[in-house]
Amino acid sequence: VYHSPKGYRVAVPGPDWQVIESRRADLELRHRTAPAGILVNAACQPETVRRSFEVLQLQLLAGLRDREVKEQNEVTLGTRSALRTLLEGRMDGEPGRLEVESYVVKGDRCVYDLLYVAPPDVFEAGRADIRRIVDSLEAG
């Protein structure tokens, strides 16, 4: 379990994932054998919580080009509203396409971003792991 100093916690999905020191997120995980990653971050400024899901998602996905949204829907995670998006795109300066599953979760004092990224050929293998993390989110 990862406990953030920002007052939330999530379950780390298991031994296939390695915690990486990161300045991009509170928690960054890399898969040990596949080119896949998971980021978890919280922004706890009052102005951030007031932003729309659309603005929050644009900020989360900055740097991802040629986006093709496959699914997008508002969901409820516990008592919190969230925007879940499944899409494909390309990172600046990178030739290959990536698939992304993102969750933007609004809490009372923070917005939580949970992001899973992998190339299309290995993407499905990690989707259950991001779902475990999302389902385990407990915010203070």
N, C-alpha and C. Protein backbone atom coordinates (compact mmCIF):
# COMPACT_ATOMS: atom_id res chain seq x y z
N VAL A 1 0.85 -1.18 0.00
CA VAL A 1 0.00 0.00 0.00
C VAL A 1 0.89 1.24 0.00
N TYR A 2 0.55 2.20 -0.85
CA TYR A 2 1.25 3.47 -0.88
C TYR A 2 0.43 4.48 -0.09
N HIS A 3 1.06 5.13 0.89
CA HIS A 3 0.44 6.18 1.70
C HIS A 3 1.05 7.51 1.29
N SER A 4 0.26 8.41 0.75
CA SER A 4 0.74 9.71 0.32
C SER A 4 0.73 10.71 1.47
N PRO A 5 1.72 11.58 1.54
CA PRO A 5 1.68 12.66 2.52
C PRO A 5 0.51 13.62 2.27
N LYS A 6 -0.13 13.52 1.11
CA LYS A 6 -1.29 14.36 0.79
C LYS A 6 -2.58 13.80 1.39
N GLY A 7 -2.48 12.67 2.10
CA GLY A 7 -3.64 12.15 2.82
C GLY A 7 -4.45 11.09 2.11
N TYR A 8 -3.92 10.46 1.10
CA TYR A 8 -4.65 9.37 0.44
C TYR A 8 -3.75 8.14 0.38
N ARG A 9 -4.38 7.02 0.05
CA ARG A 9 -3.60 5.80 -0.14
C ARG A 9 -4.21 4.97 -1.26
N VAL A 10 -3.34 4.17 -1.88
CA VAL A 10 -3.77 3.23 -2.92
C VAL A 10 -2.96 1.95 -2.74
N ALA A 11 -3.53 0.86 -3.21
CA ALA A 11 -2.84 -0.42 -3.18
C ALA A 11 -1.92 -0.51 -4.40
N VAL A 12 -0.69 -0.93 -4.18
CA VAL A 12 0.23 -1.21 -5.28
C VAL A 12 -0.13 -2.60 -5.79
N PRO A 13 -0.28 -2.78 -7.11
CA PRO A 13 -0.89 -4.01 -7.62
C PRO A 13 -0.13 -5.31 -7.44
N GLY A 14 1.15 -5.31 -7.17
CA GLY A 14 1.82 -6.59 -6.96
C GLY A 14 3.25 -6.57 -7.43
N PRO A 15 3.91 -7.75 -7.38
CA PRO A 15 5.34 -7.83 -7.65
C PRO A 15 5.74 -7.56 -9.10
N ASP A 16 4.79 -7.56 -10.03
CA ASP A 16 5.11 -7.24 -11.42
C ASP A 16 5.40 -5.76 -11.63
N TRP A 17 5.06 -4.95 -10.62
CA TRP A 17 5.22 -3.51 -10.73
C TRP A 17 6.29 -3.01 -9.76
N GLN A 18 7.13 -2.11 -10.25
CA GLN A 18 8.22 -1.56 -9.46
C GLN A 18 7.97 -0.06 -9.24
N VAL A 19 8.14 0.40 -8.00
CA VAL A 19 8.01 1.82 -7.68
C VAL A 19 9.27 2.54 -8.18
N ILE A 20 9.06 3.63 -8.90
CA ILE A 20 10.14 4.44 -9.47
C ILE A 20 10.10 5.81 -8.80
N GLU A 21 11.26 6.34 -8.44
CA GLU A 21 11.30 7.72 -7.94
C GLU A 21 10.87 8.64 -9.07
N SER A 22 10.00 9.60 -8.75
CA SER A 22 9.43 10.42 -9.80
C SER A 22 9.22 11.85 -9.33
N ARG A 23 9.38 12.78 -10.24
CA ARG A 23 9.00 14.16 -9.99
C ARG A 23 7.71 14.49 -10.72
N ARG A 24 7.24 13.56 -11.54
CA ARG A 24 6.02 13.78 -12.33
C ARG A 24 4.76 13.47 -11.55
N ALA A 25 4.88 12.61 -10.53
CA ALA A 25 3.69 12.13 -9.84
C ALA A 25 4.05 11.73 -8.41
N ASP A 26 3.02 11.59 -7.58
CA ASP A 26 3.24 11.11 -6.22
C ASP A 26 3.75 9.67 -6.24
N LEU A 27 3.18 8.87 -7.13
CA LEU A 27 3.55 7.46 -7.25
C LEU A 27 3.71 7.13 -8.72
N GLU A 28 4.84 6.57 -9.08
CA GLU A 28 5.07 6.10 -10.44
C GLU A 28 5.47 4.64 -10.37
N LEU A 29 4.78 3.82 -11.15
CA LEU A 29 5.05 2.39 -11.22
C LEU A 29 5.43 2.03 -12.65
N ARG A 30 6.42 1.18 -12.78
CA ARG A 30 6.80 0.62 -14.08
C ARG A 30 6.68 -0.88 -14.00
N HIS A 31 6.15 -1.45 -15.06
CA HIS A 31 6.05 -2.91 -15.13
C HIS A 31 7.45 -3.48 -15.29
N ARG A 32 7.73 -4.59 -14.61
CA ARG A 32 9.08 -5.16 -14.62
C ARG A 32 9.46 -5.78 -15.97
N THR A 33 8.48 -6.29 -16.73
CA THR A 33 8.82 -6.96 -17.99
C THR A 33 8.17 -6.35 -19.22
N ALA A 34 7.17 -5.53 -19.07
CA ALA A 34 6.47 -4.93 -20.21
C ALA A 34 6.70 -3.41 -20.20
N PRO A 35 6.65 -2.78 -21.36
CA PRO A 35 6.83 -1.33 -21.43
C PRO A 35 5.56 -0.59 -21.04
N ALA A 36 5.16 -0.70 -19.77
CA ALA A 36 3.92 -0.12 -19.27
C ALA A 36 4.20 0.67 -18.00
N GLY A 37 3.37 1.68 -17.76
CA GLY A 37 3.54 2.49 -16.56
C GLY A 37 2.22 2.95 -15.99
N ILE A 38 2.25 3.26 -14.69
CA ILE A 38 1.09 3.78 -13.97
C ILE A 38 1.56 4.99 -13.18
N LEU A 39 0.78 6.06 -13.24
CA LEU A 39 1.04 7.25 -12.44
C LEU A 39 -0.17 7.54 -11.56
N VAL A 40 0.10 7.95 -10.32
CA VAL A 40 -0.96 8.37 -9.40
C VAL A 40 -0.50 9.70 -8.79
N ASN A 41 -1.39 10.69 -8.82
CA ASN A 41 -1.03 12.00 -8.30
C ASN A 41 -2.26 12.69 -7.75
N ALA A 42 -2.04 13.56 -6.77
CA ALA A 42 -3.12 14.38 -6.22
C ALA A 42 -2.72 15.83 -6.29
N ALA A 43 -3.67 16.68 -6.66
CA ALA A 43 -3.49 18.13 -6.62
C ALA A 43 -4.52 18.66 -5.62
N CYS A 44 -4.03 19.34 -4.59
CA CYS A 44 -4.91 19.70 -3.47
C CYS A 44 -5.05 21.20 -3.29
N GLN A 45 -5.16 21.92 -4.38
CA GLN A 45 -5.43 23.35 -4.33
C GLN A 45 -6.92 23.59 -4.57
N PRO A 46 -7.54 24.52 -3.84
CA PRO A 46 -8.98 24.76 -4.01
C PRO A 46 -9.37 25.07 -5.46
N GLU A 47 -8.53 25.83 -6.18
CA GLU A 47 -8.87 26.17 -7.56
C GLU A 47 -8.86 24.94 -8.46
N THR A 48 -8.05 23.96 -8.15
CA THR A 48 -8.01 22.73 -8.95
C THR A 48 -9.30 21.95 -8.80
N VAL A 49 -9.80 21.82 -7.59
CA VAL A 49 -11.03 21.06 -7.33
C VAL A 49 -12.22 21.70 -8.04
N ARG A 50 -12.19 23.00 -8.24
CA ARG A 50 -13.31 23.71 -8.89
C ARG A 50 -13.31 23.56 -10.41
N ARG A 51 -12.21 23.10 -11.00
CA ARG A 51 -12.14 22.98 -12.46
C ARG A 51 -13.04 21.86 -12.98
N SER A 52 -13.45 22.00 -14.22
CA SER A 52 -14.29 20.97 -14.85
C SER A 52 -13.45 19.74 -15.16
N PHE A 53 -14.13 18.61 -15.32
CA PHE A 53 -13.43 17.38 -15.71
C PHE A 53 -12.68 17.58 -17.02
N GLU A 54 -13.28 18.30 -17.97
CA GLU A 54 -12.66 18.48 -19.27
C GLU A 54 -11.32 19.22 -19.14
N VAL A 55 -11.28 20.28 -18.35
CA VAL A 55 -10.03 21.04 -18.15
C VAL A 55 -9.00 20.17 -17.43
N LEU A 56 -9.43 19.45 -16.41
CA LEU A 56 -8.51 18.59 -15.65
C LEU A 56 -7.91 17.51 -16.55
N GLN A 57 -8.74 16.94 -17.42
CA GLN A 57 -8.23 15.90 -18.32
C GLN A 57 -7.25 16.47 -19.34
N LEU A 58 -7.51 17.65 -19.87
CA LEU A 58 -6.58 18.28 -20.80
C LEU A 58 -5.21 18.48 -20.15
N GLN A 59 -5.22 18.91 -18.88
CA GLN A 59 -3.96 19.09 -18.16
C GLN A 59 -3.25 17.75 -17.97
N LEU A 60 -4.00 16.72 -17.62
CA LEU A 60 -3.43 15.40 -17.38
C LEU A 60 -2.78 14.82 -18.64
N LEU A 61 -3.41 15.06 -19.78
CA LEU A 61 -2.95 14.44 -21.03
C LEU A 61 -2.08 15.36 -21.88
N ALA A 62 -1.61 16.46 -21.30
CA ALA A 62 -0.72 17.36 -22.05
C ALA A 62 0.50 16.56 -22.52
N GLY A 63 0.90 16.77 -23.72
CA GLY A 63 2.04 16.04 -24.29
C GLY A 63 1.62 14.83 -25.10
N LEU A 64 0.37 14.43 -25.02
CA LEU A 64 -0.13 13.31 -25.81
C LEU A 64 -0.79 13.88 -27.07
N ARG A 65 -0.27 13.53 -28.22
CA ARG A 65 -0.74 14.08 -29.49
C ARG A 65 -1.53 13.04 -30.28
N ASP A 66 -2.20 13.51 -31.30
CA ASP A 66 -2.98 12.63 -32.20
C ASP A 66 -3.91 11.73 -31.40
N ARG A 67 -4.61 12.32 -30.46
CA ARG A 67 -5.49 11.57 -29.56
C ARG A 67 -6.74 11.06 -30.28
N GLU A 68 -7.07 9.83 -29.97
CA GLU A 68 -8.32 9.23 -30.44
C GLU A 68 -9.03 8.65 -29.23
N VAL A 69 -10.09 9.32 -28.79
CA VAL A 69 -10.84 8.86 -27.63
C VAL A 69 -11.72 7.69 -28.05
N LYS A 70 -11.58 6.57 -27.34
CA LYS A 70 -12.36 5.37 -27.64
C LYS A 70 -13.58 5.26 -26.74
N GLU A 71 -13.42 5.64 -25.48
CA GLU A 71 -14.52 5.63 -24.52
C GLU A 71 -14.30 6.77 -23.54
N GLN A 72 -15.40 7.37 -23.09
CA GLN A 72 -15.30 8.38 -22.04
C GLN A 72 -16.64 8.43 -21.33
N ASN A 73 -16.59 8.33 -20.00
CA ASN A 73 -17.82 8.40 -19.24
C ASN A 73 -17.55 8.83 -17.80
N GLU A 74 -18.55 9.49 -17.24
CA GLU A 74 -18.46 9.83 -15.82
C GLU A 74 -18.89 8.61 -15.02
N VAL A 75 -18.13 8.32 -13.98
CA VAL A 75 -18.41 7.17 -13.12
C VAL A 75 -18.38 7.64 -11.67
N THR A 76 -18.89 6.82 -10.79
CA THR A 76 -18.83 7.09 -9.36
C THR A 76 -17.90 6.06 -8.74
N LEU A 77 -16.91 6.54 -8.01
CA LEU A 77 -15.97 5.67 -7.30
C LEU A 77 -16.20 5.91 -5.81
N GLY A 78 -16.88 4.98 -5.17
CA GLY A 78 -17.30 5.22 -3.79
C GLY A 78 -18.32 6.32 -3.79
N THR A 79 -17.99 7.45 -3.19
CA THR A 79 -18.90 8.60 -3.19
C THR A 79 -18.38 9.73 -4.07
N ARG A 80 -17.31 9.48 -4.81
CA ARG A 80 -16.68 10.53 -5.60
C ARG A 80 -17.01 10.41 -7.09
N SER A 81 -17.16 11.56 -7.72
CA SER A 81 -17.35 11.60 -9.17
C SER A 81 -16.01 11.49 -9.85
N ALA A 82 -16.00 10.81 -10.99
CA ALA A 82 -14.76 10.63 -11.74
C ALA A 82 -15.06 10.62 -13.23
N LEU A 83 -14.06 11.01 -14.01
CA LEU A 83 -14.13 10.90 -15.45
C LEU A 83 -13.15 9.81 -15.87
N ARG A 84 -13.67 8.77 -16.50
CA ARG A 84 -12.84 7.66 -17.00
C ARG A 84 -12.74 7.80 -18.51
N THR A 85 -11.51 7.73 -19.00
CA THR A 85 -11.28 7.88 -20.44
C THR A 85 -10.33 6.79 -20.91
N LEU A 86 -10.67 6.20 -22.03
CA LEU A 86 -9.83 5.22 -22.71
C LEU A 86 -9.50 5.84 -24.07
N LEU A 87 -8.20 5.99 -24.37
CA LEU A 87 -7.83 6.63 -25.61
C LEU A 87 -6.50 6.11 -26.12
N GLU A 88 -6.18 6.53 -27.33
CA GLU A 88 -4.91 6.18 -27.96
C GLU A 88 -4.27 7.47 -28.45
N GLY A 89 -2.94 7.53 -28.42
CA GLY A 89 -2.25 8.73 -28.88
C GLY A 89 -0.76 8.47 -29.01
N ARG A 90 -0.02 9.56 -29.18
CA ARG A 90 1.42 9.48 -29.38
C ARG A 90 2.07 10.57 -28.55
N MET A 91 3.14 10.22 -27.84
CA MET A 91 3.87 11.20 -27.05
C MET A 91 4.74 12.04 -27.97
N ASP A 92 4.90 13.32 -27.61
CA ASP A 92 5.78 14.20 -28.38
C ASP A 92 7.15 13.55 -28.57
N GLY A 93 7.61 13.53 -29.80
CA GLY A 93 8.95 13.01 -30.09
C GLY A 93 9.07 11.50 -30.13
N GLU A 94 7.98 10.80 -29.92
CA GLU A 94 8.01 9.32 -29.94
C GLU A 94 7.25 8.81 -31.16
N PRO A 95 7.79 7.80 -31.85
CA PRO A 95 7.13 7.32 -33.07
C PRO A 95 5.92 6.42 -32.82
N GLY A 96 5.95 5.62 -31.75
CA GLY A 96 4.90 4.63 -31.55
C GLY A 96 3.66 5.18 -30.87
N ARG A 97 2.55 4.49 -31.06
CA ARG A 97 1.29 4.86 -30.43
C ARG A 97 1.20 4.20 -29.07
N LEU A 98 0.45 4.84 -28.19
CA LEU A 98 0.22 4.33 -26.84
C LEU A 98 -1.27 4.30 -26.57
N GLU A 99 -1.68 3.35 -25.75
CA GLU A 99 -3.04 3.34 -25.25
C GLU A 99 -3.00 3.84 -23.82
N VAL A 100 -4.04 4.55 -23.43
CA VAL A 100 -4.11 5.19 -22.12
C VAL A 100 -5.48 4.95 -21.51
N GLU A 101 -5.49 4.61 -20.24
CA GLU A 101 -6.72 4.60 -19.46
C GLU A 101 -6.48 5.57 -18.31
N SER A 102 -7.33 6.59 -18.23
CA SER A 102 -7.15 7.61 -17.20
C SER A 102 -8.42 7.76 -16.37
N TYR A 103 -8.19 8.12 -15.11
CA TYR A 103 -9.28 8.46 -14.19
C TYR A 103 -8.93 9.79 -13.55
N VAL A 104 -9.85 10.73 -13.63
CA VAL A 104 -9.73 11.99 -12.91
C VAL A 104 -10.83 11.96 -11.86
N VAL A 105 -10.43 11.94 -10.59
CA VAL A 105 -11.37 11.76 -9.49
C VAL A 105 -11.41 13.04 -8.67
N LYS A 106 -12.61 13.56 -8.46
CA LYS A 106 -12.77 14.78 -7.66
C LYS A 106 -13.13 14.41 -6.23
N GLY A 107 -12.31 14.88 -5.30
CA GLY A 107 -12.60 14.73 -3.88
C GLY A 107 -13.02 16.06 -3.30
N ASP A 108 -13.21 16.11 -1.99
CA ASP A 108 -13.60 17.35 -1.34
C ASP A 108 -12.50 18.39 -1.37
N ARG A 109 -11.24 17.96 -1.23
CA ARG A 109 -10.14 18.93 -1.19
C ARG A 109 -9.03 18.66 -2.21
N CYS A 110 -9.12 17.54 -2.92
CA CYS A 110 -8.08 17.19 -3.90
C CYS A 110 -8.71 16.61 -5.16
N VAL A 111 -7.95 16.69 -6.24
CA VAL A 111 -8.26 15.96 -7.47
C VAL A 111 -7.19 14.89 -7.61
N TYR A 112 -7.63 13.67 -7.88
CA TYR A 112 -6.72 12.52 -7.98
C TYR A 112 -6.67 12.08 -9.43
N ASP A 113 -5.46 11.99 -9.97
CA ASP A 113 -5.25 11.51 -11.33
C ASP A 113 -4.62 10.14 -11.26
N LEU A 114 -5.21 9.19 -11.98
CA LEU A 114 -4.69 7.84 -12.06
C LEU A 114 -4.60 7.50 -13.55
N LEU A 115 -3.42 7.09 -13.97
CA LEU A 115 -3.15 6.96 -15.39
C LEU A 115 -2.37 5.68 -15.66
N TYR A 116 -2.85 4.90 -16.63
CA TYR A 116 -2.16 3.69 -17.08
C TYR A 116 -1.82 3.87 -18.55
N VAL A 117 -0.57 3.63 -18.92
CA VAL A 117 -0.09 3.83 -20.29
C VAL A 117 0.72 2.62 -20.73
N ALA A 118 0.45 2.14 -21.96
CA ALA A 118 1.21 1.01 -22.51
C ALA A 118 1.01 0.97 -24.02
N PRO A 119 1.95 0.36 -24.75
CA PRO A 119 1.76 0.16 -26.18
C PRO A 119 0.55 -0.77 -26.41
N PRO A 120 -0.10 -0.64 -27.56
CA PRO A 120 -1.30 -1.44 -27.82
C PRO A 120 -1.12 -2.95 -27.64
N ASP A 121 0.05 -3.49 -27.96
CA ASP A 121 0.22 -4.95 -27.90
C ASP A 121 0.30 -5.50 -26.48
N VAL A 122 0.52 -4.67 -25.47
CA VAL A 122 0.56 -5.15 -24.08
C VAL A 122 -0.46 -4.46 -23.19
N PHE A 123 -1.24 -3.55 -23.76
CA PHE A 123 -2.16 -2.72 -22.97
C PHE A 123 -3.15 -3.54 -22.15
N GLU A 124 -3.83 -4.47 -22.76
CA GLU A 124 -4.88 -5.24 -22.07
C GLU A 124 -4.36 -5.96 -20.84
N ALA A 125 -3.12 -6.40 -20.87
CA ALA A 125 -2.55 -7.17 -19.75
C ALA A 125 -2.51 -6.39 -18.45
N GLY A 126 -2.43 -5.06 -18.50
CA GLY A 126 -2.33 -4.27 -17.28
C GLY A 126 -3.60 -3.57 -16.84
N ARG A 127 -4.67 -3.72 -17.58
CA ARG A 127 -5.90 -2.99 -17.25
C ARG A 127 -6.49 -3.41 -15.92
N ALA A 128 -6.38 -4.66 -15.56
CA ALA A 128 -6.89 -5.09 -14.25
C ALA A 128 -6.09 -4.46 -13.12
N ASP A 129 -4.81 -4.22 -13.35
CA ASP A 129 -3.96 -3.61 -12.31
C ASP A 129 -4.35 -2.16 -12.05
N ILE A 130 -4.63 -1.38 -13.10
CA ILE A 130 -5.04 0.00 -12.86
C ILE A 130 -6.41 0.02 -12.19
N ARG A 131 -7.25 -0.90 -12.56
CA ARG A 131 -8.58 -0.95 -11.92
C ARG A 131 -8.46 -1.26 -10.43
N ARG A 132 -7.53 -2.15 -10.05
CA ARG A 132 -7.30 -2.44 -8.63
C ARG A 132 -6.85 -1.21 -7.89
N ILE A 133 -5.97 -0.42 -8.51
CA ILE A 133 -5.50 0.81 -7.88
C ILE A 133 -6.66 1.79 -7.72
N VAL A 134 -7.42 1.98 -8.78
CA VAL A 134 -8.56 2.91 -8.74
C VAL A 134 -9.55 2.48 -7.66
N ASP A 135 -9.87 1.21 -7.61
CA ASP A 135 -10.83 0.72 -6.62
C ASP A 135 -10.31 0.83 -5.19
N SER A 136 -8.99 0.87 -5.02
CA SER A 136 -8.41 0.93 -3.67
C SER A 136 -8.23 2.36 -3.15
N LEU A 137 -8.45 3.36 -3.99
CA LEU A 137 -8.21 4.75 -3.59
C LEU A 137 -9.03 5.10 -2.35
N GLU A 138 -8.33 5.50 -1.31
CA GLU A 138 -8.95 6.00 -0.09
C GLU A 138 -8.36 7.36 0.21
N ALA A 139 -9.22 8.36 0.20
CA ALA A 139 -8.77 9.73 0.41
C ALA A 139 -9.19 10.21 1.80
N GLY A 140 -8.28 11.01 2.40
CA GLY A 140 -8.54 11.53 3.73
C GLY A 140 -9.39 12.75 3.73
